[in-house]
Protein backbone atom coordinates (compact mmCIF):
# COMPACT_ATOMS: atom_id res chain seq x y z
CA MET A 1 205.65 -5.59 -119.03
CA GLU A 2 203.38 -8.39 -120.26
CA LYS A 3 200.52 -9.55 -118.12
CA SER A 4 198.80 -12.87 -118.88
CA LEU A 5 195.04 -13.03 -118.91
CA LEU A 6 192.96 -16.15 -118.34
CA PRO A 7 190.80 -17.30 -121.26
CA GLN A 8 187.05 -17.52 -120.95
CA ILE A 9 185.75 -20.78 -119.50
CA GLN A 10 185.44 -23.74 -121.89
CA PRO A 11 181.94 -25.24 -122.38
CA PRO A 12 180.71 -27.75 -119.76
CA THR A 13 180.75 -30.59 -122.30
CA TYR A 14 184.54 -30.80 -121.79
CA GLY A 15 184.23 -31.07 -118.00
CA ASN A 16 182.39 -32.93 -115.26
CA LEU A 17 180.28 -30.13 -113.77
CA VAL A 18 178.03 -27.20 -114.61
CA THR A 19 179.08 -24.27 -112.43
CA ILE A 20 176.49 -21.74 -111.29
CA LEU A 21 176.77 -18.57 -109.19
CA SER A 22 173.59 -16.88 -107.93
CA ILE A 23 173.26 -13.50 -106.20
CA ASP A 24 170.09 -12.36 -104.43
CA GLY A 25 168.46 -8.95 -104.57
CA GLY A 26 168.53 -6.61 -101.57
CA GLY A 27 169.36 -3.00 -102.41
CA ILE A 28 172.26 -1.53 -100.45
CA ARG A 29 172.73 -4.91 -98.81
CA GLY A 30 174.56 -5.84 -102.02
CA ILE A 31 177.61 -4.95 -99.93
CA ILE A 32 177.25 -8.36 -98.25
CA PRO A 33 177.60 -10.55 -101.39
CA GLY A 34 180.24 -8.09 -102.60
CA THR A 35 182.32 -9.00 -99.56
CA ILE A 36 181.75 -12.73 -100.09
CA LEU A 37 182.64 -12.57 -103.79
CA ALA A 38 185.82 -10.64 -103.07
CA ARG A 39 186.96 -13.46 -100.81
CA LEU A 40 186.09 -16.12 -103.40
CA GLU A 41 188.01 -14.28 -106.11
CA THR A 42 191.02 -13.91 -103.81
CA GLN A 43 191.00 -17.68 -103.23
CA LEU A 44 190.84 -18.31 -106.97
CA GLN A 45 193.77 -15.95 -107.46
CA GLU A 46 195.78 -17.85 -104.87
CA LEU A 47 195.29 -20.95 -107.03
CA ASP A 48 195.57 -19.52 -110.54
CA GLY A 49 197.26 -16.14 -110.36
CA ASP A 50 196.31 -12.50 -109.87
CA ASP A 51 194.52 -12.25 -113.23
CA ALA A 52 191.83 -14.75 -112.22
CA ARG A 53 188.30 -13.36 -112.19
CA ILE A 54 185.02 -14.94 -111.12
CA ALA A 55 183.63 -14.88 -114.67
CA ASP A 56 186.46 -17.23 -115.72
CA TYR A 57 185.01 -20.08 -113.65
CA PHE A 58 181.21 -20.05 -113.87
CA ASP A 59 179.08 -21.26 -116.75
CA VAL A 60 176.20 -19.12 -115.52
CA ILE A 61 176.05 -16.12 -113.20
CA ALA A 62 172.54 -15.13 -112.17
CA GLY A 63 171.47 -12.06 -110.24
CA THR A 64 168.28 -10.26 -109.34
CA SER A 65 167.94 -6.52 -108.67
CA THR A 66 171.12 -5.48 -106.85
CA GLY A 67 172.40 -8.98 -107.61
CA GLY A 68 171.72 -8.34 -111.28
CA LEU A 69 173.85 -5.21 -111.13
CA VAL A 70 176.69 -7.15 -109.49
CA THR A 71 176.32 -9.83 -112.17
CA ALA A 72 176.67 -7.23 -114.91
CA MET A 73 179.66 -5.60 -113.19
CA ILE A 74 181.69 -8.82 -113.06
CA THR A 75 180.70 -10.15 -116.52
CA ALA A 76 180.59 -7.04 -118.74
CA PRO A 77 183.80 -6.75 -120.80
CA ASP A 78 186.21 -3.85 -120.72
CA ASP A 79 188.33 -2.77 -123.71
CA GLN A 80 190.62 -5.79 -123.25
CA LYS A 81 187.68 -8.24 -123.06
CA ARG A 82 188.18 -8.80 -119.37
CA PRO A 83 185.62 -8.15 -116.60
CA LEU A 84 184.79 -4.48 -116.13
CA PHE A 85 184.96 -4.88 -112.33
CA ALA A 86 187.00 -7.20 -110.16
CA ALA A 87 185.09 -8.61 -107.18
CA LYS A 88 187.14 -6.45 -104.82
CA ASP A 89 185.69 -3.36 -106.55
CA ILE A 90 182.06 -4.18 -105.68
CA LYS A 91 182.15 -3.07 -102.05
CA PRO A 92 183.84 0.31 -102.78
CA PHE A 93 181.29 0.86 -105.58
CA TYR A 94 178.38 0.52 -103.15
CA LEU A 95 180.07 2.60 -100.46
CA GLU A 96 180.70 5.43 -102.91
CA HIS A 97 177.42 5.45 -104.81
CA GLY A 98 174.92 4.02 -102.30
CA PRO A 99 174.26 7.36 -100.51
CA LYS A 100 173.51 9.00 -103.87
CA ILE A 101 171.27 6.16 -105.06
CA PHE A 102 169.37 6.21 -101.75
CA PRO A 103 169.69 9.81 -100.48
CA GLN A 104 168.80 10.03 -96.80
CA THR A 105 166.42 12.53 -95.25
CA ARG A 106 167.23 14.25 -91.96
CA GLY A 107 165.09 15.32 -89.04
CA ILE A 108 161.36 15.07 -88.45
CA PHE A 109 160.55 17.28 -91.45
CA GLY A 110 162.62 15.08 -93.75
CA TRP A 111 160.91 11.98 -92.37
CA ILE A 112 157.46 13.47 -93.00
CA MET A 113 158.40 14.43 -96.56
CA SER A 114 159.71 10.92 -97.17
CA ILE A 115 156.42 9.43 -96.01
CA LEU A 116 154.42 11.80 -98.22
CA ARG A 117 156.55 10.94 -101.25
CA SER A 118 156.03 7.24 -100.60
CA ILE A 119 152.26 7.73 -100.54
CA VAL A 120 152.02 9.60 -103.83
CA GLY A 121 154.89 7.97 -105.72
CA PRO A 122 158.20 6.08 -105.50
CA LYS A 123 160.43 6.89 -102.55
CA TYR A 124 163.34 7.71 -104.91
CA ASP A 125 163.28 9.07 -108.46
CA GLY A 126 166.03 6.66 -109.58
CA LYS A 127 167.72 9.25 -111.81
CA TYR A 128 171.17 8.85 -110.28
CA LEU A 129 170.94 5.05 -110.44
CA LYS A 130 169.97 5.12 -114.13
CA ARG A 131 172.72 7.57 -115.01
CA LEU A 132 175.31 5.57 -113.06
CA ILE A 133 174.41 2.21 -114.58
CA LYS A 134 174.38 3.58 -118.13
CA GLU A 135 177.71 5.30 -117.55
CA LYS A 136 179.38 2.15 -116.25
CA LEU A 137 177.87 -0.43 -118.61
CA GLY A 138 177.65 1.75 -121.71
CA GLY A 139 176.14 0.03 -124.73
CA THR A 140 177.17 -3.51 -123.78
CA ARG A 141 174.46 -5.97 -124.72
CA LEU A 142 173.41 -9.24 -123.15
CA HIS A 143 175.21 -11.47 -125.68
CA GLU A 144 178.52 -9.71 -125.04
CA THR A 145 179.00 -10.81 -121.42
CA LEU A 146 182.12 -12.86 -120.70
CA THR A 147 180.07 -15.81 -119.48
CA SER A 148 176.38 -16.63 -119.64
CA VAL A 149 174.17 -14.51 -117.39
CA VAL A 150 170.57 -14.76 -116.19
CA ILE A 151 168.79 -11.67 -114.84
CA PRO A 152 165.09 -11.99 -113.89
CA THR A 153 162.70 -9.05 -114.21
CA PHE A 154 158.93 -8.79 -114.05
CA ASP A 155 156.80 -7.23 -116.79
CA ILE A 156 154.03 -5.29 -115.09
CA LYS A 157 152.05 -4.97 -118.34
CA SER A 158 151.87 -8.68 -119.15
CA LEU A 159 151.99 -9.69 -115.46
CA GLN A 160 154.65 -12.32 -116.01
CA PRO A 161 158.38 -12.71 -115.46
CA THR A 162 160.76 -11.69 -118.23
CA ILE A 163 164.03 -13.59 -117.91
CA PHE A 164 166.97 -11.99 -119.66
CA SER A 165 169.19 -14.97 -120.35
CA THR A 166 172.21 -15.28 -122.62
CA TYR A 167 170.89 -18.69 -123.63
CA GLU A 168 167.61 -17.24 -124.91
CA VAL A 169 169.10 -14.60 -127.20
CA LYS A 170 169.23 -16.88 -130.25
CA ARG A 171 165.64 -17.97 -129.73
CA SER A 172 164.35 -14.48 -128.87
CA PRO A 173 166.70 -11.84 -130.36
CA CYS A 174 164.72 -8.97 -128.82
CA LEU A 175 165.98 -10.11 -125.41
CA ASP A 176 169.48 -9.05 -126.49
CA ALA A 177 168.99 -5.71 -124.79
CA PRO A 178 171.60 -3.35 -123.34
CA LEU A 179 172.76 -4.63 -119.95
CA ALA A 180 172.13 -1.17 -118.52
CA ASP A 181 168.42 -1.31 -119.39
CA ILE A 182 168.14 -4.86 -118.02
CA CYS A 183 169.75 -3.88 -114.71
CA ILE A 184 167.61 -0.75 -114.30
CA GLY A 185 164.49 -2.81 -114.94
CA SER A 186 165.48 -5.59 -112.55
CA SER A 187 166.20 -3.00 -109.83
CA ALA A 188 162.91 -1.09 -110.11
CA ALA A 189 161.63 -2.20 -106.70
CA PRO A 190 157.96 -1.31 -106.11
CA THR A 191 157.54 1.70 -103.77
CA TYR A 192 161.29 2.45 -103.98
CA PHE A 193 161.97 3.19 -107.67
CA PRO A 194 159.78 3.94 -110.70
CA ALA A 195 158.88 1.10 -113.06
CA TYR A 196 161.12 1.14 -116.13
CA PHE A 197 160.01 1.17 -119.77
CA PHE A 198 162.25 0.67 -122.77
CA LYS A 199 162.12 -0.67 -126.32
CA ASN A 200 164.64 -2.99 -127.91
CA GLN A 201 165.08 -3.74 -131.59
CA ASP A 202 166.71 -6.85 -133.01
CA LYS A 203 168.86 -7.00 -136.16
CA GLU A 204 165.85 -7.71 -138.34
CA GLY A 205 164.09 -4.57 -137.17
CA LYS A 206 161.57 -6.27 -134.88
CA THR A 207 160.84 -4.15 -131.80
CA GLN A 208 159.72 -5.36 -128.39
CA GLU A 209 158.54 -3.19 -125.50
CA PHE A 210 159.36 -3.91 -121.88
CA ASP A 211 157.44 -2.55 -118.86
CA LEU A 212 159.63 -3.76 -116.02
CA ILE A 213 159.73 -3.83 -112.25
CA ASP A 214 162.09 -5.53 -109.82
CA GLY A 215 162.83 -9.16 -110.66
CA GLY A 216 162.61 -9.88 -106.95
CA VAL A 217 158.82 -10.10 -107.15
CA ALA A 218 159.31 -13.32 -109.13
CA ALA A 219 162.77 -14.62 -108.19
CA ASN A 220 164.66 -12.66 -105.55
CA ASN A 221 166.90 -15.72 -105.29
CA PRO A 222 167.58 -16.58 -108.96
CA ALA A 223 169.45 -19.85 -108.38
CA LEU A 224 166.56 -22.05 -109.53
CA VAL A 225 166.02 -19.90 -112.62
CA ALA A 226 169.68 -20.41 -113.52
CA ILE A 227 169.43 -24.19 -113.04
CA SER A 228 166.28 -24.24 -115.18
CA GLN A 229 168.05 -22.34 -117.96
CA VAL A 230 170.86 -24.90 -118.00
CA THR A 231 168.43 -27.82 -117.92
CA LYS A 232 166.59 -26.32 -120.88
CA GLN A 233 169.83 -26.24 -122.88
CA VAL A 234 170.30 -29.95 -122.22
CA PHE A 235 166.75 -30.72 -123.37
CA ASP A 236 167.34 -28.60 -126.48
CA ARG A 237 170.51 -30.61 -127.17
CA ASN A 238 172.88 -27.66 -126.95
CA PRO A 239 176.27 -29.17 -127.93
CA ASP A 240 178.02 -27.12 -125.24
CA PHE A 241 176.38 -29.28 -122.55
CA PHE A 242 176.90 -32.95 -121.76
CA PRO A 243 173.76 -35.09 -121.28
CA ILE A 244 172.27 -34.59 -117.82
CA LYS A 245 169.64 -36.94 -116.49
CA PRO A 246 166.52 -35.20 -115.12
CA MET A 247 167.52 -35.84 -111.50
CA ASP A 248 171.31 -35.74 -111.86
CA TYR A 249 171.99 -32.77 -109.58
CA GLY A 250 175.43 -34.20 -108.84
CA ARG A 251 176.59 -32.57 -112.07
CA PHE A 252 175.76 -29.08 -110.77
CA LEU A 253 178.04 -26.98 -108.59
CA VAL A 254 176.02 -24.09 -107.15
CA ILE A 255 177.05 -21.16 -104.97
CA SER A 256 174.07 -19.04 -103.90
CA ILE A 257 174.74 -15.81 -102.01
CA GLY A 258 172.05 -13.94 -100.09
CA THR A 259 171.95 -10.33 -98.97
CA GLY A 260 170.77 -11.07 -95.44
CA SER A 261 167.33 -11.05 -93.86
CA PRO A 262 165.70 -10.11 -90.51
CA LYS A 263 164.01 -13.51 -90.19
CA SER A 264 165.25 -14.17 -86.66
CA GLU A 265 164.15 -10.71 -85.51
CA GLN A 266 160.47 -11.64 -86.00
CA LYS A 267 159.54 -7.97 -86.31
CA TYR A 268 156.05 -8.68 -87.69
CA ASN A 269 153.26 -10.83 -86.24
CA ALA A 270 149.65 -11.72 -86.98
CA LYS A 271 148.17 -9.44 -84.31
CA MET A 272 150.05 -6.52 -85.82
CA ALA A 273 149.26 -7.40 -89.44
CA ALA A 274 145.59 -8.00 -88.68
CA LYS A 275 145.18 -4.24 -88.17
CA TRP A 276 146.92 -3.16 -91.36
CA GLY A 277 145.12 -1.70 -94.33
CA VAL A 278 146.81 -0.77 -97.58
CA LEU A 279 149.04 1.83 -95.93
CA GLY A 280 149.97 -0.51 -93.10
CA TRP A 281 151.23 -3.15 -95.52
CA LEU A 282 153.21 -0.50 -97.39
CA LEU A 283 154.47 1.62 -94.49
CA HIS A 284 155.28 0.29 -91.05
CA GLY A 285 158.11 1.42 -88.81
CA GLY A 286 160.20 2.69 -91.68
CA SER A 287 159.90 -0.55 -93.67
CA THR A 288 157.59 -1.97 -96.33
CA PRO A 289 156.12 -5.24 -94.98
CA LEU A 290 154.51 -6.30 -98.26
CA VAL A 291 157.78 -6.02 -100.16
CA ASP A 292 159.68 -7.76 -97.35
CA VAL A 293 157.21 -10.62 -97.35
CA PHE A 294 157.12 -11.46 -101.05
CA MET A 295 160.86 -11.05 -101.60
CA GLN A 296 161.76 -13.15 -98.56
CA ALA A 297 159.20 -15.79 -99.49
CA SER A 298 160.59 -15.98 -103.02
CA ALA A 299 164.18 -16.39 -101.82
CA ASP A 300 163.37 -18.96 -99.14
CA MET A 301 161.21 -21.15 -101.39
CA VAL A 302 164.07 -21.43 -103.87
CA ASP A 303 166.58 -22.31 -101.15
CA PHE A 304 164.17 -24.84 -99.66
CA HIS A 305 163.56 -26.50 -103.03
CA ILE A 306 167.23 -26.70 -104.05
CA SER A 307 168.32 -27.89 -100.61
CA MET A 308 165.66 -30.59 -100.62
CA VAL A 309 166.63 -31.91 -104.05
CA PHE A 310 170.38 -31.81 -103.44
CA GLN A 311 170.00 -33.56 -100.07
CA ALA A 312 167.58 -36.17 -101.41
CA LEU A 313 170.01 -37.02 -104.21
CA HIS A 314 173.04 -37.04 -101.86
CA SER A 315 174.63 -34.09 -103.64
CA GLU A 316 174.40 -31.58 -100.79
CA ASP A 317 178.15 -30.92 -100.87
CA ASN A 318 177.70 -29.39 -104.33
CA TYR A 319 175.35 -26.68 -103.07
CA LEU A 320 176.52 -23.80 -100.90
CA ARG A 321 174.04 -21.20 -99.66
CA ILE A 322 175.61 -18.28 -97.78
CA GLN A 323 172.98 -16.21 -96.02
CA ASP A 324 172.63 -14.31 -92.74
CA ASP A 325 169.13 -14.47 -91.22
CA THR A 326 170.07 -12.48 -88.12
CA LEU A 327 169.91 -8.90 -89.41
CA ARG A 328 168.14 -6.42 -87.17
CA GLY A 329 166.81 -2.90 -87.42
CA LYS A 330 168.41 -0.68 -90.02
CA ASP A 331 170.86 -3.40 -91.00
CA ALA A 332 167.96 -5.20 -92.68
CA SER A 333 166.86 -2.15 -94.67
CA VAL A 334 167.43 -2.07 -98.43
CA ASP A 335 167.96 1.70 -98.52
CA VAL A 336 169.54 3.05 -95.32
CA THR A 337 172.88 4.45 -96.47
CA THR A 338 174.13 6.34 -93.44
CA GLU A 339 177.85 5.98 -92.79
CA GLU A 340 177.07 3.92 -89.70
CA ASN A 341 174.85 1.48 -91.59
CA LEU A 342 177.28 1.09 -94.48
CA ASP A 343 180.04 0.23 -92.01
CA ASN A 344 177.72 -2.28 -90.33
CA LEU A 345 176.96 -4.01 -93.63
CA VAL A 346 180.67 -4.37 -94.36
CA LYS A 347 181.16 -5.94 -90.91
CA ILE A 348 178.16 -8.24 -91.43
CA GLY A 349 179.69 -9.56 -94.65
CA GLU A 350 183.04 -10.11 -92.94
CA ARG A 351 181.41 -11.87 -89.97
CA LEU A 352 179.37 -14.04 -92.32
CA LEU A 353 182.58 -15.48 -93.73
CA LYS A 354 183.51 -16.66 -90.23
CA LYS A 355 180.09 -18.17 -89.46
CA PRO A 356 179.50 -21.92 -89.84
CA VAL A 357 178.12 -23.31 -93.09
CA SER A 358 174.36 -23.64 -92.66
CA ARG A 359 171.71 -25.65 -94.43
CA VAL A 360 167.95 -25.37 -94.30
CA ASN A 361 166.24 -27.92 -92.05
CA LEU A 362 163.63 -29.55 -94.27
CA GLU A 363 161.27 -30.03 -91.31
CA THR A 364 161.46 -26.59 -89.65
CA GLY A 365 162.45 -24.42 -92.61
CA LEU A 366 165.19 -22.81 -90.52
CA SER A 367 168.87 -22.73 -91.41
CA GLU A 368 171.07 -24.74 -89.08
CA PRO A 369 174.85 -25.19 -88.92
CA VAL A 370 176.13 -28.23 -90.79
CA GLU A 371 177.98 -30.69 -88.57
CA ASN A 372 181.70 -30.59 -89.40
CA GLY A 373 180.89 -28.19 -92.22
CA GLY A 374 183.45 -25.59 -91.21
CA THR A 375 183.00 -21.89 -91.85
CA ASN A 376 181.66 -20.21 -94.98
CA GLU A 377 185.17 -19.01 -95.73
CA GLU A 378 186.50 -22.58 -95.56
CA ALA A 379 183.64 -23.77 -97.79
CA LEU A 380 184.47 -21.08 -100.34
CA LYS A 381 188.07 -22.27 -100.34
CA ARG A 382 186.90 -25.82 -101.07
CA PHE A 383 184.64 -24.58 -103.86
CA ALA A 384 187.47 -22.45 -105.28
CA THR A 385 189.58 -25.60 -105.57
CA LEU A 386 186.75 -27.45 -107.31
CA LEU A 387 186.24 -24.55 -109.72
CA SER A 388 189.95 -24.34 -110.51
CA ASP A 389 190.20 -28.10 -111.07
CA GLU A 390 187.13 -28.06 -113.32
CA LYS A 391 188.58 -25.24 -115.41
CA ARG A 392 191.90 -27.04 -115.85
CA LEU A 393 190.09 -30.25 -116.81
CA ARG A 394 188.11 -28.48 -119.53
CA ASP A 395 191.20 -26.76 -120.87
CA THR A 396 192.94 -30.16 -121.08
CA ARG A 397 190.04 -31.97 -122.76
CA SER A 398 189.10 -29.24 -125.23
CA PRO A 399 190.31 -29.93 -128.80
CA ASN A 400 190.41 -26.16 -129.38
CA PRO A 401 191.97 -24.59 -126.30
CA LYS A 402 191.42 -20.86 -126.12
CA LYS A 403 194.56 -18.80 -126.37
CA THR A 404 195.74 -16.88 -123.37
CA LEU A 405 195.52 -13.18 -124.10
CA LYS A 406 198.34 -10.76 -123.43
CA LEU A 407 198.35 -7.17 -122.31
CA CYS A 408 201.35 -4.86 -122.54
């Protein structure tokens, strides 16, 4: 029986919008965006058929750390040049492999050993994660993804971000690294996993070394990095992109998905932090305050900036940020993989779909429900319609429509 497959998305120059999907970092909390993406893909399938996949609709998919892994999963090609994972496969992937990536210790002795390991080295050796990622992604390289991707990392040797972007491969061929190496590097969270070193050689024999840690130290929310990459293509006169004025954010359609935060819990305060030394900032109540602070600050600053610009230019309906700031206790941890916590994260993602669309208040910095904005699930349905319409428009306008593939 023949099964039709959707062609890859046509370039933005044949449409009206540039479509961007961004996925935050957050360890095991990747279950939350996995749940959101599964719902979005289902809505796209209701419009365009069961073969529809998220990669068919976005010009750029950006992800940091666990978000980078999700990005690779839904954009890496299988043998039929279709996404290796459907969005519905993300949640089962985390439920199956999360406890092996973040093995839990039991009892007081296990807790003491965990603390000692954290003092002298990374909390986890990362061996299972490396083996798993390399097994799933194989030798697929950055340029082979089914749509453009952007995965931020941070080079600890040069002390600057290294952005692995499909758009930059032609300019910097050494960035065309295996997706597996990129994902391992972007996920190497300080104190949790070892930093990751690898070399990559381009076709001309030039070799570049990478000394990477988690991209979340630079861009835990990679939405702004993705927008910057697109803007750069316009400035460089990439023929795939229509001219975009410097402040024309109305031509962007952005969905940004967070992994949740404990912001409303207010579990830290100045009196508490005033007493911390190095160990206090690294170990407090089972969490790592320093890591929490810089990753949350990074994500919030990006959301604040994008929200401000989109609102100021009356394009706020083109930006959807789905984030839950009400996580508490173990739910907010990046590495608690007990059966109870995994179940809770699944429920959090499902509840988040039913929560009202929220937008950051530019005066208070807090997210507030949008009046008459509906639920996140309803907003995703609206965005799915916009994405489907944009894809059809490009297919109609393109002088060289891509053929629909067939599978037996």
